[in-house]
Amino acid sequence: MFKYIKFLSFVIGVALIACNATNSKPLSIRFSADSSKIIISDINEAGLYQIKTNINIDSGYQKLVSVLQTPAEDDSTSMEIEWPGRLSVAGDSLIFTPNLPFEKKKEYLVETILNARFASGKDIIKSKVGFKVKAQQQILTR
């Protein structure tokens, strides 16, 4: 009986490690060289294929990335302002082009669910599995 429990725990451990191991890099979110656009790269292949296929057909794909201008640290009266723009694909990157230029010395919060996972093997073992996918966030300073 003990042998079976040991074997079963070994199999479960290997399965969790295999499910957690990926060859993908973390998502890269950065400003372009002239800080006029936001470039999102290192998108997994399946997600990039779906974006390339549907971004010009389905308007819902424009909501994959949200950009918010955050208030200054010493400003307690302002709120985050959604920064409108348009998404396009260039090569293997997703490009956010704002309708208005980014303001200098301001911070922008970029949120996306691209490359997001529901839970890792470690999260499953620790019972830290949530009810929704957690968006990836990056703060960029212009």
Protein backbone atom coordinates (compact mmCIF):
# COMPACT_ATOMS: atom_id res chain seq x y z
CA MET A 1 0.00 0.00 0.00
CA PHE A 2 2.80 2.41 0.93
CA LYS A 3 4.53 1.71 -2.41
CA TYR A 4 1.41 2.76 -4.31
CA ILE A 5 1.06 6.00 -2.36
CA LYS A 6 4.72 6.78 -2.97
CA PHE A 7 4.38 6.01 -6.67
CA LEU A 8 1.18 8.05 -6.98
CA SER A 9 2.74 11.08 -5.27
CA PHE A 10 5.75 10.78 -7.61
CA VAL A 11 3.49 10.71 -10.69
CA ILE A 12 1.48 13.72 -9.48
CA GLY A 13 4.70 15.65 -8.78
CA VAL A 14 6.09 14.92 -12.25
CA ALA A 15 2.78 15.92 -13.85
CA LEU A 16 2.70 19.24 -11.99
CA ILE A 17 6.29 20.01 -12.96
CA ALA A 18 5.60 19.09 -16.60
CA CYS A 19 2.48 21.26 -16.71
CA ASN A 20 4.37 24.18 -15.21
CA ALA A 21 7.43 23.96 -17.47
CA THR A 22 7.17 26.14 -20.55
CA ASN A 23 9.65 27.37 -23.12
CA SER A 24 8.05 30.81 -23.32
CA LYS A 25 9.70 33.98 -22.10
CA PRO A 26 7.82 36.40 -19.88
CA LEU A 27 5.81 39.04 -21.71
CA SER A 28 7.83 42.15 -22.58
CA ILE A 29 6.02 45.51 -22.29
CA ARG A 30 8.04 48.64 -23.14
CA PHE A 31 7.97 52.01 -24.88
CA SER A 32 9.26 52.31 -28.44
CA ALA A 33 12.60 54.12 -28.91
CA ASP A 34 10.86 57.50 -29.33
CA SER A 35 8.28 56.76 -26.57
CA SER A 36 5.40 57.34 -28.97
CA LYS A 37 4.07 53.75 -28.82
CA ILE A 38 3.99 50.78 -26.47
CA ILE A 39 5.44 47.51 -27.77
CA ILE A 40 4.32 44.18 -26.35
CA SER A 41 6.47 41.25 -27.42
CA ASP A 42 7.28 37.65 -26.48
CA ILE A 43 3.61 36.68 -26.94
CA ASN A 44 3.09 32.91 -27.04
CA GLU A 45 2.69 31.47 -30.55
CA ALA A 46 -0.95 30.41 -30.23
CA GLY A 47 -2.01 33.79 -28.86
CA LEU A 48 -0.05 35.68 -31.53
CA TYR A 49 -1.67 33.61 -34.28
CA GLN A 50 -5.15 34.39 -32.91
CA ILE A 51 -4.34 38.10 -32.70
CA LYS A 52 -2.92 38.25 -36.24
CA THR A 53 -5.94 36.40 -37.60
CA ASN A 54 -8.65 38.37 -35.80
CA ILE A 55 -7.42 41.85 -34.80
CA ASN A 56 -8.80 43.51 -37.96
CA ILE A 57 -12.02 41.48 -37.94
CA ASP A 58 -13.14 41.43 -34.30
CA SER A 59 -13.24 44.75 -32.41
CA GLY A 60 -13.05 42.86 -29.10
CA TYR A 61 -9.34 42.28 -29.73
CA GLN A 62 -8.77 46.03 -29.25
CA LYS A 63 -9.53 45.49 -25.55
CA LEU A 64 -6.68 43.00 -25.00
CA VAL A 65 -4.50 45.81 -23.67
CA SER A 66 -5.54 48.73 -21.49
CA VAL A 67 -3.34 51.74 -20.82
CA LEU A 68 -4.05 54.03 -17.87
CA GLN A 69 -2.30 57.28 -17.01
CA THR A 70 -1.66 57.15 -13.27
CA PRO A 71 -1.73 60.22 -11.02
CA ALA A 72 1.46 61.55 -9.46
CA GLU A 73 2.35 60.20 -6.02
CA ASP A 74 1.69 63.55 -4.37
CA ASP A 75 -1.67 64.00 -6.11
CA SER A 76 -4.43 62.46 -4.01
CA THR A 77 -7.32 64.08 -5.89
CA SER A 78 -6.72 62.66 -9.38
CA MET A 79 -7.76 59.29 -10.68
CA GLU A 80 -6.35 56.97 -13.29
CA ILE A 81 -7.27 58.09 -16.79
CA GLU A 82 -7.79 55.53 -19.55
CA TRP A 83 -5.47 56.42 -22.41
CA PRO A 84 -7.25 55.64 -25.69
CA GLY A 85 -5.41 54.07 -28.58
CA ARG A 86 -5.38 51.39 -31.23
CA LEU A 87 -3.68 47.97 -31.34
CA SER A 88 -1.90 46.62 -34.40
CA VAL A 89 0.47 43.76 -35.13
CA ALA A 90 4.00 44.26 -36.46
CA GLY A 91 5.97 41.04 -36.92
CA ASP A 92 5.78 39.14 -33.64
CA SER A 93 4.84 42.18 -31.52
CA LEU A 94 1.62 43.92 -30.60
CA ILE A 95 1.81 47.72 -30.92
CA PHE A 96 -0.35 50.16 -28.94
CA THR A 97 -0.55 53.52 -30.73
CA PRO A 98 -2.22 56.19 -28.57
CA ASN A 99 -4.77 58.64 -29.99
CA LEU A 100 -2.96 61.43 -28.09
CA PRO A 101 0.81 61.50 -27.49
CA PHE A 102 2.06 60.23 -24.15
CA GLU A 103 2.86 63.08 -21.76
CA LYS A 104 6.41 63.51 -20.50
CA LYS A 105 7.17 62.72 -16.85
CA LYS A 106 3.92 60.77 -16.47
CA GLU A 107 3.47 57.11 -15.53
CA TYR A 108 1.30 54.71 -17.49
CA LEU A 109 -0.07 51.42 -16.22
CA VAL A 110 -0.32 48.80 -18.97
CA GLU A 111 -2.54 45.78 -18.26
CA THR A 112 -3.10 42.75 -20.46
CA ILE A 113 -4.20 39.15 -20.18
CA LEU A 114 -1.81 38.00 -22.92
CA ASN A 115 0.32 35.01 -21.82
CA ALA A 116 -1.61 34.92 -18.53
CA ARG A 117 -2.11 31.55 -16.87
CA PHE A 118 -4.77 30.43 -14.46
CA ALA A 119 -2.35 28.88 -11.98
CA SER A 120 1.12 27.39 -11.80
CA GLY A 121 1.92 24.00 -10.33
CA LYS A 122 3.19 25.69 -7.17
CA ASP A 123 -0.06 27.67 -6.84
CA ILE A 124 -2.10 24.47 -7.20
CA ILE A 125 -0.10 22.69 -4.50
CA LYS A 126 -0.43 25.69 -2.14
CA SER A 127 -4.16 26.04 -2.96
CA LYS A 128 -3.68 29.58 -4.22
CA VAL A 129 -5.86 29.08 -7.27
CA GLY A 130 -8.12 32.07 -7.82
CA PHE A 131 -11.42 32.46 -9.59
CA LYS A 132 -10.10 34.44 -12.55
CA VAL A 133 -7.00 34.97 -14.64
CA LYS A 134 -4.72 37.63 -13.23
CA ALA A 135 -3.79 40.37 -15.68
CA GLN A 136 -0.13 41.12 -16.27
CA GLN A 137 0.81 44.69 -15.37
CA GLN A 138 3.71 46.97 -16.17
CA ILE A 139 4.24 50.60 -15.17
CA LEU A 140 6.05 52.67 -17.78
CA THR A 141 7.40 56.18 -17.21
CA ARG A 142 7.59 58.50 -20.20
